[in-house]
Amino acid sequence: MENISFNTRKSLCNHLGDTAGNELADFLLKLKRHLERIERTKVDRTPIVPDSTSPSLIIHSGLSQSGWDE
């Protein structure tokens, strides 16, 4: 969907007034374009080597905060 339909824009204008309805419709289109751009340029950032100081590694490895269980 490239644009907001005529009926949707007309309904917004009827309920909110012409100025506010058109402003909201334009804002929604800008937001849609912005989200599409973010989705296209999104890069997943997954660490290859886990951080050795992360609490989850300390808990799962059985190590205490000092480094070794006594």
N, C-alpha and C. Protein backbone atom coordinates (compact mmCIF):
# COMPACT_ATOMS: atom_id res chain seq x y z
N MET A 1 0.84 -1.17 0.00
CA MET A 1 0.00 0.00 0.00
C MET A 1 0.89 1.24 0.00
N GLU A 2 0.88 1.96 -1.06
CA GLU A 2 1.73 3.13 -1.21
C GLU A 2 1.15 4.35 -0.52
N ASN A 3 -0.17 4.45 -0.47
CA ASN A 3 -0.80 5.65 0.05
C ASN A 3 -2.02 5.27 0.87
N ILE A 4 -2.49 6.20 1.66
CA ILE A 4 -3.73 5.98 2.41
C ILE A 4 -4.89 6.12 1.43
N SER A 5 -5.86 5.24 1.55
CA SER A 5 -6.99 5.27 0.61
C SER A 5 -7.79 6.57 0.77
N PHE A 6 -8.50 6.90 -0.27
CA PHE A 6 -9.34 8.10 -0.27
C PHE A 6 -10.36 8.04 0.86
N ASN A 7 -10.98 6.86 1.05
CA ASN A 7 -12.00 6.72 2.09
C ASN A 7 -11.41 6.91 3.49
N THR A 8 -10.21 6.40 3.71
CA THR A 8 -9.57 6.57 5.01
C THR A 8 -9.24 8.02 5.27
N ARG A 9 -8.67 8.69 4.27
CA ARG A 9 -8.32 10.11 4.42
C ARG A 9 -9.60 10.94 4.64
N LYS A 10 -10.65 10.63 3.89
CA LYS A 10 -11.92 11.37 4.02
C LYS A 10 -12.51 11.17 5.41
N SER A 11 -12.44 9.94 5.90
CA SER A 11 -12.97 9.65 7.24
C SER A 11 -12.18 10.41 8.31
N LEU A 12 -10.87 10.44 8.18
CA LEU A 12 -10.05 11.20 9.13
C LEU A 12 -10.43 12.68 9.10
N CYS A 13 -10.60 13.23 7.90
CA CYS A 13 -10.97 14.64 7.77
C CYS A 13 -12.35 14.92 8.34
N ASN A 14 -13.29 13.99 8.15
CA ASN A 14 -14.64 14.17 8.69
C ASN A 14 -14.65 14.17 10.22
N HIS A 15 -13.85 13.29 10.81
CA HIS A 15 -13.85 13.15 12.27
C HIS A 15 -12.96 14.18 12.96
N LEU A 16 -11.87 14.56 12.31
CA LEU A 16 -10.90 15.44 12.96
C LEU A 16 -10.88 16.85 12.39
N GLY A 17 -11.51 17.05 11.27
CA GLY A 17 -11.41 18.32 10.55
C GLY A 17 -10.40 18.17 9.43
N ASP A 18 -10.53 19.01 8.41
CA ASP A 18 -9.67 18.88 7.22
C ASP A 18 -8.19 19.00 7.55
N THR A 19 -7.83 20.03 8.29
CA THR A 19 -6.41 20.26 8.58
C THR A 19 -5.82 19.12 9.40
N ALA A 20 -6.47 18.77 10.50
CA ALA A 20 -5.96 17.72 11.37
C ALA A 20 -5.98 16.36 10.67
N GLY A 21 -7.03 16.07 9.92
CA GLY A 21 -7.12 14.79 9.21
C GLY A 21 -6.02 14.62 8.19
N ASN A 22 -5.77 15.68 7.40
CA ASN A 22 -4.69 15.61 6.41
C ASN A 22 -3.33 15.54 7.08
N GLU A 23 -3.17 16.27 8.18
CA GLU A 23 -1.90 16.24 8.91
C GLU A 23 -1.63 14.85 9.46
N LEU A 24 -2.65 14.23 10.03
CA LEU A 24 -2.49 12.88 10.57
C LEU A 24 -2.21 11.87 9.46
N ALA A 25 -2.90 11.98 8.35
CA ALA A 25 -2.67 11.07 7.22
C ALA A 25 -1.24 11.22 6.70
N ASP A 26 -0.76 12.46 6.56
CA ASP A 26 0.61 12.68 6.11
C ASP A 26 1.62 12.14 7.12
N PHE A 27 1.34 12.33 8.40
CA PHE A 27 2.23 11.81 9.44
C PHE A 27 2.30 10.29 9.38
N LEU A 28 1.16 9.64 9.21
CA LEU A 28 1.15 8.17 9.14
C LEU A 28 1.94 7.67 7.93
N LEU A 29 1.85 8.37 6.81
CA LEU A 29 2.63 7.97 5.64
C LEU A 29 4.12 8.15 5.88
N LYS A 30 4.51 9.24 6.54
CA LYS A 30 5.93 9.44 6.88
C LYS A 30 6.42 8.35 7.81
N LEU A 31 5.60 8.01 8.80
CA LEU A 31 5.96 6.96 9.74
C LEU A 31 6.11 5.62 9.03
N LYS A 32 5.21 5.32 8.11
CA LYS A 32 5.27 4.08 7.34
C LYS A 32 6.55 4.02 6.52
N ARG A 33 6.90 5.12 5.85
CA ARG A 33 8.13 5.15 5.05
C ARG A 33 9.36 4.99 5.94
N HIS A 34 9.33 5.62 7.12
CA HIS A 34 10.46 5.52 8.04
C HIS A 34 10.64 4.07 8.52
N LEU A 35 9.54 3.41 8.87
CA LEU A 35 9.63 2.02 9.32
C LEU A 35 10.11 1.10 8.20
N GLU A 36 9.66 1.34 6.98
CA GLU A 36 10.13 0.53 5.85
C GLU A 36 11.63 0.71 5.64
N ARG A 37 12.12 1.94 5.80
CA ARG A 37 13.55 2.20 5.65
C ARG A 37 14.34 1.49 6.74
N ILE A 38 13.83 1.52 7.96
CA ILE A 38 14.50 0.83 9.06
C ILE A 38 14.54 -0.66 8.81
N GLU A 39 13.45 -1.24 8.34
CA GLU A 39 13.41 -2.67 8.05
C GLU A 39 14.39 -3.05 6.95
N ARG A 40 14.54 -2.18 5.94
CA ARG A 40 15.46 -2.48 4.85
C ARG A 40 16.92 -2.41 5.30
N THR A 41 17.23 -1.51 6.22
CA THR A 41 18.63 -1.30 6.60
C THR A 41 19.00 -1.98 7.90
N LYS A 42 18.07 -2.69 8.52
CA LYS A 42 18.32 -3.33 9.80
C LYS A 42 19.37 -4.42 9.65
N VAL A 43 20.30 -4.43 10.59
CA VAL A 43 21.34 -5.46 10.62
C VAL A 43 21.30 -6.09 12.00
N ASP A 44 21.21 -7.42 12.04
CA ASP A 44 21.24 -8.11 13.33
C ASP A 44 22.65 -8.07 13.88
N ARG A 45 22.75 -7.79 15.17
CA ARG A 45 24.05 -7.75 15.82
C ARG A 45 24.10 -8.85 16.86
N THR A 46 24.64 -9.99 16.49
CA THR A 46 24.77 -11.12 17.40
C THR A 46 26.24 -11.28 17.73
N PRO A 47 26.60 -11.24 19.02
CA PRO A 47 28.01 -11.41 19.37
C PRO A 47 28.48 -12.82 19.04
N ILE A 48 29.66 -12.92 18.46
CA ILE A 48 30.22 -14.22 18.11
C ILE A 48 30.81 -14.88 19.34
N VAL A 49 31.53 -14.13 20.14
CA VAL A 49 32.13 -14.64 21.37
C VAL A 49 31.39 -14.01 22.54
N PRO A 50 30.79 -14.81 23.42
CA PRO A 50 30.06 -14.23 24.54
C PRO A 50 30.99 -13.46 25.48
N ASP A 51 30.45 -12.46 26.11
CA ASP A 51 31.19 -11.66 27.07
C ASP A 51 31.40 -12.49 28.33
N SER A 52 32.64 -12.68 28.75
CA SER A 52 32.94 -13.54 29.89
C SER A 52 32.49 -12.94 31.21
N THR A 53 32.17 -11.66 31.24
CA THR A 53 31.73 -11.04 32.48
C THR A 53 30.22 -10.97 32.61
N SER A 54 29.51 -11.53 31.63
CA SER A 54 28.06 -11.44 31.70
C SER A 54 27.54 -12.33 32.82
N PRO A 55 26.54 -11.88 33.57
CA PRO A 55 25.99 -12.66 34.69
C PRO A 55 25.46 -14.02 34.27
N SER A 56 24.93 -14.13 33.06
CA SER A 56 24.37 -15.42 32.64
C SER A 56 25.46 -16.47 32.50
N LEU A 57 26.67 -16.07 32.07
CA LEU A 57 27.76 -17.03 31.97
C LEU A 57 28.24 -17.46 33.35
N ILE A 58 28.26 -16.55 34.30
CA ILE A 58 28.70 -16.88 35.64
C ILE A 58 27.72 -17.86 36.27
N ILE A 59 26.44 -17.64 36.09
CA ILE A 59 25.43 -18.53 36.67
C ILE A 59 25.47 -19.89 36.00
N HIS A 60 25.53 -19.94 34.67
CA HIS A 60 25.49 -21.21 33.96
C HIS A 60 26.78 -22.01 34.13
N SER A 61 27.90 -21.35 34.33
CA SER A 61 29.16 -22.08 34.44
C SER A 61 29.41 -22.56 35.85
N GLY A 62 28.60 -22.13 36.81
CA GLY A 62 28.78 -22.55 38.19
C GLY A 62 29.80 -21.72 38.93
N LEU A 63 30.31 -20.68 38.33
CA LEU A 63 31.31 -19.84 38.98
C LEU A 63 30.63 -18.83 39.87
N SER A 64 31.26 -18.53 40.99
CA SER A 64 30.76 -17.46 41.85
C SER A 64 31.25 -16.14 41.30
N GLN A 65 30.88 -15.06 41.95
CA GLN A 65 31.31 -13.75 41.50
C GLN A 65 32.83 -13.59 41.58
N SER A 66 33.49 -14.29 42.52
CA SER A 66 34.95 -14.18 42.63
C SER A 66 35.66 -15.02 41.58
N GLY A 67 34.96 -15.93 40.96
CA GLY A 67 35.57 -16.71 39.89
C GLY A 67 35.50 -18.20 40.12
N TRP A 68 35.57 -18.65 41.39
CA TRP A 68 35.53 -20.09 41.67
C TRP A 68 34.63 -20.37 42.86
N ASP A 69 33.88 -21.46 42.79
CA ASP A 69 33.10 -21.90 43.94
C ASP A 69 34.03 -22.56 44.94
N GLU A 70 33.76 -22.34 46.21
CA GLU A 70 34.63 -22.94 47.23
C GLU A 70 33.99 -24.14 47.85
